[in-house]
Amino acid sequence: MRVVSVRAKWRTPLWATQVLCLLLVLTGLTVPSAAAQDQKRQDSWRIDLSGPEAERGNVASRPDGITVENSRARTPSVRGASHAVYTSPGRSLGRQLTAFTVLTEAELPTGTKVQTEIRGSNHPGAWTQWRAIGDAGAVRLPQAVSLLQVRLTLLGVPGGASPTVHAVTVAAAAEQPAPQQTPENGLSAAASGPTYRLFATREGLTGQTTANGHVIQPRDHFVALPSRRMLAVNGGHEYQVRLCYQGRCETAPVWDVGPWNTRDDYWNPPAQREMWRDLPQGTPEAQAAYQNGYNGGLDEFGRRAANPAGIDVADGTFWDGLGMTDNGWVDVTFMPDSGGGGSATVTAWAEANVRSCASTSCEAKSKVYPGESYPAECWVVGQSVTAEGVTNDKWVRLPLNAGGVGYVSGIYLKGDETGGVTTRCP
């Protein structure tokens, strides 16, 4: 199926324009100001699917849009489908907004699908949870935001047909309802969120691909939660949880979806929960199914829950971080400010690239500009960079608008060699 936008074209005679203006004057109506027209244009935009700053996992660019690059690539959380994920850069809105409409124009061969989600931020590095777009294209975020991001998940037939996304258009809704009173994880100012006792299982699956496009490495450090709402970008730490087991603890990013369910955001209040709203907050559906026969003892796919797992743990976190040798119960704290707004602010004196690691050989993810200030997290020792006769091997880690983090050489920052950042990255 192909969604096509059609716009009629005609030329308005000059006399008609003059008559319209006269009628507006006689009736007391006014022509919208240039500022109002500019605001309307800012409130509607098209995602640049070919832009270099987007986060891509198994995404191929074509003249008519984006599609799945390798139709045999799959992720365990989406059974029976090839998989690609595209995350746009953050878009500054110029004001605080809560409600949007999103139109995704795509060609969908039989058996293929595109999932569209958005999230927002009202200060750098801290995001709302992802929200899926409804059937009418409408979506409301739980809090007013000034920065917006779009994520597309493309699902195809393994080894066969794939969807092609031609365009994505976002617009601020005409009506902007007040934000919900109960904040979600992601924009709260609290130092830590609620802690739940959860049954944790070892994920394993080395060499396979997670739901955010990360290829699982031996002794990797991350977790999976059974909902896409807190799925970070590949390499990102904007959603994290802190796990503790028998006196050992580790904070790990959320890079995959599972176990059992994919729409079970049990950490949210029941009114905000995507599914299973009759369960108490903090109780995973699989746990209720296994222990109490909830939903007939089945998960959302009709499989019998063989354990009460509410979190999967990658091997490095499981073995090295927590010292676990078998599946078991752990204390999990959800980190509402895990994206971090940065522990300091740095100011650039020159334009410079923000890179994926502390070296000029790494990919440029963003830029800093002269006289502008940015939130910073910490500093690391990296490649030595020389500018105006001074050499500096300190790099400062910054949260990116697109999610995740990047590094800028301290040589381009005002102040001392770390731009005033005192914390060294762990």
Protein backbone atom coordinates (compact mmCIF):
# COMPACT_ATOMS: atom_id res chain seq x y z
CA MET A 1 0.00 0.00 0.00
CA ARG A 2 1.26 3.48 -0.81
CA VAL A 3 0.14 6.65 0.94
CA VAL A 4 0.21 9.61 -1.46
CA SER A 5 -0.32 13.25 -0.62
CA VAL A 6 -2.05 15.20 -3.41
CA ARG A 7 -2.02 18.99 -3.62
CA ALA A 8 -4.10 20.87 -6.19
CA LYS A 9 -2.40 23.73 -8.07
CA TRP A 10 -4.06 26.86 -9.42
CA ARG A 11 -3.32 30.53 -9.94
CA THR A 12 -5.40 33.13 -8.06
CA PRO A 13 -6.26 36.22 -10.19
CA LEU A 14 -5.00 39.55 -8.84
CA TRP A 15 -8.52 41.01 -8.70
CA ALA A 16 -9.67 38.15 -6.49
CA THR A 17 -6.88 38.82 -4.01
CA GLN A 18 -7.79 42.50 -3.90
CA VAL A 19 -11.48 41.72 -3.28
CA LEU A 20 -10.58 39.30 -0.49
CA CYS A 21 -8.45 41.92 1.26
CA LEU A 22 -11.30 44.48 1.01
CA LEU A 23 -13.77 42.01 2.50
CA LEU A 24 -11.39 41.30 5.38
CA VAL A 25 -11.14 45.02 6.14
CA LEU A 26 -14.94 45.57 5.95
CA THR A 27 -15.67 42.63 8.26
CA GLY A 28 -12.99 43.54 10.79
CA LEU A 29 -10.87 40.44 10.11
CA THR A 30 -7.12 40.68 9.72
CA VAL A 31 -4.58 38.97 7.52
CA PRO A 32 -2.20 36.80 9.60
CA SER A 33 1.05 38.60 10.36
CA ALA A 34 4.36 37.48 8.90
CA ALA A 35 5.40 36.31 12.39
CA ALA A 36 2.25 34.19 12.70
CA GLN A 37 2.84 32.70 9.27
CA ASP A 38 6.46 31.92 10.21
CA GLN A 39 5.28 30.22 13.42
CA LYS A 40 2.81 28.11 11.41
CA ARG A 41 5.62 27.01 9.09
CA GLN A 42 7.82 26.14 12.09
CA ASP A 43 5.00 24.03 13.55
CA SER A 44 4.96 21.74 10.50
CA TRP A 45 8.01 20.15 8.92
CA ARG A 46 9.23 17.17 6.96
CA ILE A 47 11.92 14.86 8.32
CA ASP A 48 15.08 14.83 6.21
CA LEU A 49 15.40 11.07 5.78
CA SER A 50 18.76 11.47 3.99
CA GLY A 51 20.32 13.71 6.66
CA PRO A 52 23.74 12.59 7.96
CA GLU A 53 22.98 13.13 11.68
CA ALA A 54 20.27 10.45 11.88
CA GLU A 55 20.91 7.20 13.78
CA ARG A 56 20.54 4.24 11.39
CA GLY A 57 20.49 0.52 11.99
CA ASN A 58 20.32 -1.66 8.85
CA VAL A 59 18.79 1.27 6.93
CA ALA A 60 19.41 1.78 3.21
CA SER A 61 18.85 5.18 1.56
CA ARG A 62 17.26 5.35 -1.89
CA PRO A 63 16.23 8.28 -4.07
CA ASP A 64 12.60 7.72 -3.03
CA GLY A 65 13.21 7.22 0.71
CA ILE A 66 14.62 4.65 3.13
CA THR A 67 14.19 0.88 3.35
CA VAL A 68 15.68 -2.22 4.97
CA GLU A 69 19.28 -2.73 3.84
CA ASN A 70 19.70 -6.44 4.63
CA SER A 71 16.35 -8.21 4.42
CA ARG A 72 17.74 -11.21 6.31
CA ALA A 73 18.70 -9.18 9.40
CA ARG A 74 16.40 -9.86 12.33
CA THR A 75 16.01 -9.04 16.01
CA PRO A 76 14.72 -11.55 18.59
CA SER A 77 12.03 -9.17 19.90
CA VAL A 78 10.22 -9.09 16.52
CA ARG A 79 9.63 -12.65 15.42
CA GLY A 80 9.28 -13.50 11.75
CA ALA A 81 10.35 -10.14 10.34
CA SER A 82 13.44 -8.46 8.97
CA HIS A 83 14.30 -5.34 10.92
CA ALA A 84 15.73 -1.83 10.53
CA VAL A 85 15.53 1.23 12.78
CA TYR A 86 15.90 4.93 11.91
CA THR A 87 16.06 7.71 14.54
CA SER A 88 15.93 11.31 13.38
CA PRO A 89 17.99 14.15 14.92
CA GLY A 90 16.20 16.25 17.52
CA ARG A 91 14.10 19.11 16.12
CA SER A 92 13.90 22.38 18.09
CA LEU A 93 10.27 23.51 18.31
CA GLY A 94 10.84 27.10 19.41
CA ARG A 95 8.18 26.73 22.11
CA GLN A 96 6.62 24.21 24.51
CA LEU A 97 4.21 21.73 22.88
CA THR A 98 2.49 18.51 23.94
CA ALA A 99 0.38 17.24 21.02
CA PHE A 100 1.34 16.41 17.44
CA THR A 101 0.13 14.73 14.27
CA VAL A 102 2.56 12.61 12.26
CA LEU A 103 2.01 11.41 8.69
CA THR A 104 4.25 8.60 7.47
CA GLU A 105 4.09 8.07 3.71
CA ALA A 106 5.27 4.56 2.94
CA GLU A 107 4.99 1.74 0.43
CA LEU A 108 4.01 -1.42 2.29
CA PRO A 109 4.22 -4.68 0.35
CA THR A 110 2.21 -7.56 1.81
CA GLY A 111 3.62 -8.72 5.13
CA THR A 112 5.57 -5.51 5.86
CA LYS A 113 5.02 -2.77 8.43
CA VAL A 114 6.38 0.56 9.65
CA GLN A 115 6.13 1.61 13.31
CA THR A 116 6.36 5.36 13.98
CA GLU A 117 7.11 6.79 17.44
CA ILE A 118 8.08 10.17 18.87
CA ARG A 119 9.64 11.46 22.07
CA GLY A 120 10.48 14.93 23.36
CA SER A 121 12.70 16.85 25.74
CA ASN A 122 12.52 20.15 27.57
CA HIS A 123 16.21 20.23 28.48
CA PRO A 124 19.22 18.58 26.80
CA GLY A 125 19.81 14.93 27.43
CA ALA A 126 16.56 14.04 29.23
CA TRP A 127 13.72 12.58 27.19
CA THR A 128 10.13 11.53 27.66
CA GLN A 129 9.45 7.90 26.93
CA TRP A 130 8.66 7.01 23.32
CA ARG A 131 5.00 7.17 22.29
CA ALA A 132 3.56 5.29 19.31
CA ILE A 133 1.54 7.19 16.72
CA GLY A 134 -2.20 6.41 16.76
CA ASP A 135 -4.25 5.32 13.77
CA ALA A 136 -5.18 8.92 12.94
CA GLY A 137 -1.56 10.06 13.24
CA ALA A 138 -2.23 11.83 16.54
CA VAL A 139 -0.03 11.51 19.61
CA ARG A 140 0.19 13.33 22.93
CA LEU A 141 3.29 13.42 25.10
CA PRO A 142 2.92 13.42 28.90
CA GLN A 143 4.84 16.68 29.28
CA ALA A 144 5.37 19.84 27.27
CA VAL A 145 8.59 19.65 25.24
CA SER A 146 10.70 22.00 23.17
CA LEU A 147 12.67 19.33 21.27
CA LEU A 148 11.15 16.46 19.28
CA GLN A 149 12.53 13.27 17.76
CA VAL A 150 11.01 10.62 15.48
CA ARG A 151 11.84 6.89 15.35
CA LEU A 152 10.86 4.57 12.49
CA THR A 153 11.06 0.80 12.80
CA LEU A 154 10.83 -0.95 9.43
CA LEU A 155 9.67 -4.58 9.46
CA GLY A 156 9.93 -6.69 6.32
CA VAL A 157 9.66 -10.28 5.16
CA PRO A 158 12.92 -12.13 5.94
CA GLY A 159 14.80 -12.51 2.66
CA GLY A 160 11.88 -10.91 0.83
CA ALA A 161 9.92 -7.67 0.52
CA SER A 162 10.66 -4.61 2.64
CA PRO A 163 8.73 -1.39 3.32
CA THR A 164 9.94 1.91 1.87
CA VAL A 165 9.32 5.15 3.78
CA HIS A 166 9.02 8.04 1.33
CA ALA A 167 8.36 10.90 3.75
CA VAL A 168 7.48 11.75 7.34
CA THR A 169 5.68 15.01 8.12
CA VAL A 170 5.21 16.29 11.68
CA ALA A 171 2.85 19.08 12.72
CA ALA A 172 1.88 20.62 16.04
CA ALA A 173 -1.75 19.82 16.78
CA ALA A 174 -4.18 22.72 16.62
CA GLU A 175 -5.27 22.03 20.19
CA GLN A 176 -2.50 21.80 22.79
CA PRO A 177 -3.85 20.10 25.95
CA ALA A 178 -2.21 20.70 29.29
CA PRO A 179 0.52 18.22 30.27
CA GLN A 180 -0.47 15.26 32.40
CA GLN A 181 0.10 15.76 36.11
CA THR A 182 2.04 12.52 36.68
CA PRO A 183 5.53 12.78 35.12
CA GLU A 184 7.09 9.84 33.33
CA ASN A 185 10.65 8.66 33.70
CA GLY A 186 12.80 10.81 31.44
CA LEU A 187 11.95 14.38 32.48
CA SER A 188 11.67 14.14 36.25
CA ALA A 189 14.15 16.15 38.30
CA ALA A 190 14.42 13.38 40.89
CA ALA A 191 17.83 11.79 41.44
CA SER A 192 16.40 8.29 41.10
CA GLY A 193 13.12 6.61 40.33
CA PRO A 194 11.21 3.74 41.91
CA THR A 195 12.91 0.46 42.78
CA TYR A 196 11.22 -2.89 42.06
CA ARG A 197 12.15 -6.46 42.93
CA LEU A 198 12.26 -8.22 39.54
CA PHE A 199 13.18 -11.66 38.24
CA ALA A 200 16.14 -11.25 35.89
CA THR A 201 17.17 -13.66 33.15
CA ARG A 202 20.45 -13.77 31.24
CA GLU A 203 19.99 -12.55 27.64
CA GLY A 204 23.04 -14.10 25.94
CA LEU A 205 22.44 -14.07 22.14
CA THR A 206 25.99 -12.95 21.28
CA GLY A 207 26.20 -11.89 17.64
CA GLN A 208 22.49 -11.17 17.29
CA THR A 209 21.00 -7.68 16.87
CA THR A 210 19.01 -5.85 19.52
CA ALA A 211 15.86 -3.80 18.88
CA ASN A 212 17.93 -0.57 18.64
CA GLY A 213 20.36 -2.04 16.09
CA HIS A 214 23.21 -2.94 18.47
CA VAL A 215 25.11 -6.15 17.63
CA ILE A 216 25.53 -8.04 20.89
CA GLN A 217 29.17 -8.49 21.91
CA PRO A 218 30.69 -11.10 24.27
CA ARG A 219 30.26 -9.97 27.90
CA ASP A 220 28.22 -6.96 26.80
CA HIS A 221 26.73 -4.49 29.29
CA PHE A 222 23.06 -3.54 28.79
CA VAL A 223 19.54 -4.70 29.67
CA ALA A 224 16.26 -5.37 27.89
CA LEU A 225 12.85 -4.20 29.13
CA PRO A 226 9.53 -5.53 27.75
CA SER A 227 8.48 -2.25 26.11
CA ARG A 228 9.86 0.06 23.40
CA ARG A 229 9.01 3.13 25.48
CA MET A 230 12.40 3.14 27.22
CA LEU A 231 14.53 1.81 24.34
CA ALA A 232 17.67 3.96 23.98
CA VAL A 233 19.40 4.59 20.66
CA ASN A 234 22.31 2.34 19.72
CA GLY A 235 25.13 3.26 22.09
CA GLY A 236 22.92 5.71 24.00
CA HIS A 237 22.44 6.02 27.77
CA GLU A 238 19.31 8.17 27.79
CA TYR A 239 17.36 5.34 29.46
CA GLN A 240 19.13 3.39 32.19
CA VAL A 241 18.36 1.18 35.18
CA ARG A 242 20.46 0.38 38.23
CA LEU A 243 20.54 -3.30 39.18
CA CYS A 244 21.67 -4.68 42.54
CA TYR A 245 22.23 -8.34 43.44
CA GLN A 246 23.69 -9.58 46.72
CA GLY A 247 25.58 -6.37 47.41
CA ARG A 248 26.86 -5.79 43.87
CA CYS A 249 25.35 -3.10 41.64
CA GLU A 250 25.66 -1.80 38.08
CA THR A 251 23.91 0.92 36.06
CA ALA A 252 23.18 -0.29 32.53
CA PRO A 253 21.52 1.24 29.44
CA VAL A 254 18.33 -0.18 27.89
CA TRP A 255 19.26 -1.47 24.41
CA ASP A 256 16.74 -4.24 23.75
CA VAL A 257 13.08 -5.21 24.14
CA GLY A 258 11.96 -8.23 26.18
CA PRO A 259 11.57 -10.63 27.90
CA TRP A 260 8.20 -12.18 26.94
CA ASN A 261 6.29 -9.00 26.11
CA THR A 262 6.98 -5.92 23.98
CA ARG A 263 4.26 -3.51 25.23
CA ASP A 264 4.51 -4.02 28.98
CA ASP A 265 5.79 -0.74 30.46
CA TYR A 266 5.10 -1.93 34.00
CA TRP A 267 7.19 0.88 35.57
CA ASN A 268 4.54 3.43 34.54
CA PRO A 269 1.35 4.16 36.53
CA PRO A 270 -1.62 2.02 35.37
CA ALA A 271 -3.31 4.98 33.66
CA GLN A 272 -0.23 5.53 31.46
CA ARG A 273 0.58 1.87 30.87
CA GLU A 274 0.29 0.68 27.25
CA MET A 275 -1.18 -2.73 28.16
CA TRP A 276 -2.27 -4.64 31.28
CA ARG A 277 -3.64 -1.53 33.03
CA ASP A 278 -5.35 -3.62 35.70
CA LEU A 279 -1.97 -4.72 37.10
CA PRO A 280 -0.22 -2.79 39.90
CA GLN A 281 2.62 -0.48 38.94
CA GLY A 282 5.92 -2.38 39.12
CA THR A 283 4.40 -5.80 38.39
CA PRO A 284 5.47 -7.24 34.99
CA GLU A 285 2.73 -9.11 33.12
CA ALA A 286 4.94 -12.21 32.84
CA GLN A 287 5.33 -12.25 36.61
CA ALA A 288 1.57 -12.03 37.15
CA ALA A 289 0.99 -14.71 34.49
CA TYR A 290 3.55 -17.10 35.97
CA GLN A 291 2.68 -16.61 39.64
CA ASN A 292 -1.06 -15.96 39.54
CA GLY A 293 -2.31 -17.27 36.20
CA TYR A 294 -3.02 -13.74 34.95
CA ASN A 295 -4.15 -13.69 31.28
CA GLY A 296 -4.45 -17.47 31.46
CA GLY A 297 -0.74 -17.70 32.26
CA LEU A 298 0.12 -16.38 28.78
CA ASP A 299 2.12 -13.43 27.45
CA GLU A 300 0.86 -11.00 24.79
CA PHE A 301 1.72 -13.49 22.03
CA GLY A 302 -0.17 -16.37 23.62
CA ARG A 303 2.94 -18.16 24.88
CA ARG A 304 2.91 -19.69 28.35
CA ALA A 305 5.21 -17.71 30.64
CA ALA A 306 7.84 -20.22 31.80
CA ASN A 307 9.28 -17.79 34.37
CA PRO A 308 8.31 -14.43 35.95
CA ALA A 309 11.04 -12.42 34.18
CA GLY A 310 10.61 -8.66 33.92
CA ILE A 311 14.13 -7.83 32.69
CA ASP A 312 16.81 -9.48 30.54
CA VAL A 313 20.45 -8.84 31.42
CA ALA A 314 23.38 -8.95 28.97
CA ASP A 315 26.26 -11.29 29.81
CA GLY A 316 28.77 -8.67 30.99
CA THR A 317 26.29 -7.06 33.37
CA PHE A 318 25.00 -10.49 34.47
CA TRP A 319 28.38 -12.15 35.15
CA ASP A 320 30.87 -9.33 35.70
CA GLY A 321 28.74 -6.49 37.03
CA LEU A 322 26.38 -8.40 39.31
CA GLY A 323 28.24 -11.66 39.81
CA MET A 324 25.17 -13.73 38.92
CA THR A 325 25.56 -17.38 37.96
CA ASP A 326 21.89 -18.16 37.38
CA ASN A 327 18.62 -16.33 36.80
CA GLY A 328 17.32 -14.72 39.96
CA TRP A 329 15.65 -11.83 41.75
CA VAL A 330 17.34 -8.42 41.61
CA ASP A 331 16.50 -4.91 42.79
CA VAL A 332 16.04 -2.61 39.80
CA THR A 333 15.90 1.18 40.12
CA PHE A 334 14.50 3.10 37.15
CA MET A 335 16.54 6.21 36.53
CA PRO A 336 14.20 9.09 35.52
CA ASP A 337 17.12 11.44 34.87
CA SER A 338 19.28 8.79 33.24
CA GLY A 339 19.77 10.88 30.14
CA GLY A 340 21.38 13.47 32.33
CA GLY A 341 21.30 17.16 31.65
CA GLY A 342 25.06 17.24 32.09
CA SER A 343 26.92 18.00 35.31
CA ALA A 344 28.45 21.20 33.89
CA THR A 345 28.12 23.68 31.04
CA VAL A 346 30.86 24.32 28.49
CA THR A 347 31.19 27.13 25.95
CA ALA A 348 32.90 26.75 22.57
CA TRP A 349 35.29 29.40 21.22
CA ALA A 350 35.43 27.84 17.74
CA GLU A 351 33.28 25.60 15.55
CA ALA A 352 34.20 21.94 16.08
CA ASN A 353 32.88 18.45 15.43
CA VAL A 354 31.34 16.36 18.20
CA ARG A 355 32.49 12.81 17.45
CA SER A 356 31.44 9.29 18.40
CA CYS A 357 34.71 8.75 20.33
CA ALA A 358 37.64 10.83 21.59
CA SER A 359 39.53 10.87 18.28
CA THR A 360 39.40 12.84 15.04
CA SER A 361 39.19 9.53 13.18
CA CYS A 362 35.75 8.84 14.65
CA GLU A 363 32.45 9.76 12.99
CA ALA A 364 31.21 13.35 13.38
CA LYS A 365 27.79 13.23 15.08
CA SER A 366 27.12 16.93 15.65
CA LYS A 367 28.88 20.31 16.06
CA VAL A 368 29.54 23.01 18.63
CA TYR A 369 29.60 26.66 17.55
CA PRO A 370 31.49 29.76 18.73
CA GLY A 371 29.96 31.48 21.75
CA GLU A 372 27.31 28.79 22.33
CA SER A 373 27.04 26.80 25.56
CA TYR A 374 26.32 23.08 25.93
CA PRO A 375 25.58 20.67 28.82
CA ALA A 376 28.55 18.41 29.54
CA GLU A 377 28.81 15.15 31.46
CA CYS A 378 32.50 14.41 32.07
CA TRP A 379 35.92 14.27 30.36
CA VAL A 380 38.23 11.53 29.04
CA VAL A 381 41.80 11.32 27.76
CA GLY A 382 41.89 10.82 24.00
CA GLN A 383 43.79 11.84 20.89
CA SER A 384 45.97 14.94 21.24
CA VAL A 385 44.68 17.88 19.20
CA THR A 386 46.67 21.04 18.43
CA ALA A 387 45.15 24.46 17.72
CA GLU A 388 46.86 27.87 17.73
CA GLY A 389 50.06 26.36 19.11
CA VAL A 390 48.38 24.59 22.07
CA THR A 391 48.02 20.79 22.39
CA ASN A 392 45.32 19.11 24.47
CA ASP A 393 44.46 15.41 24.89
CA LYS A 394 41.28 15.98 26.98
CA TRP A 395 37.87 15.38 25.37
CA VAL A 396 34.53 16.34 26.91
CA ARG A 397 31.46 14.08 26.67
CA LEU A 398 28.21 15.80 25.69
CA PRO A 399 24.63 14.44 25.46
CA LEU A 400 23.38 14.59 21.85
CA ASN A 401 19.99 15.89 20.76
CA ALA A 402 19.53 12.68 18.77
CA GLY A 403 20.17 10.59 21.89
CA GLY A 404 23.40 9.02 23.06
CA VAL A 405 26.62 10.95 23.64
CA GLY A 406 29.47 12.48 21.67
CA TYR A 407 32.95 13.85 22.39
CA VAL A 408 34.49 17.23 21.59
CA SER A 409 38.15 18.11 22.03
CA GLY A 410 38.72 20.42 25.00
CA ILE A 411 40.99 22.49 22.77
CA TYR A 412 37.85 24.14 21.31
CA LEU A 413 36.27 24.99 24.68
CA LYS A 414 36.73 28.14 26.74
CA GLY A 415 38.45 27.85 30.12
CA ASP A 416 40.89 25.15 31.15
CA GLU A 417 41.76 22.00 29.19
CA THR A 418 38.41 20.35 30.04
CA GLY A 419 36.30 23.47 29.53
CA GLY A 420 35.63 23.63 33.26
CA VAL A 421 34.30 20.05 33.58
CA THR A 422 35.72 18.49 36.76
CA THR A 423 34.30 14.96 36.57
CA ARG A 424 36.31 12.27 34.78
CA CYS A 425 34.22 9.71 32.87
CA PRO A 426 34.16 6.23 34.45
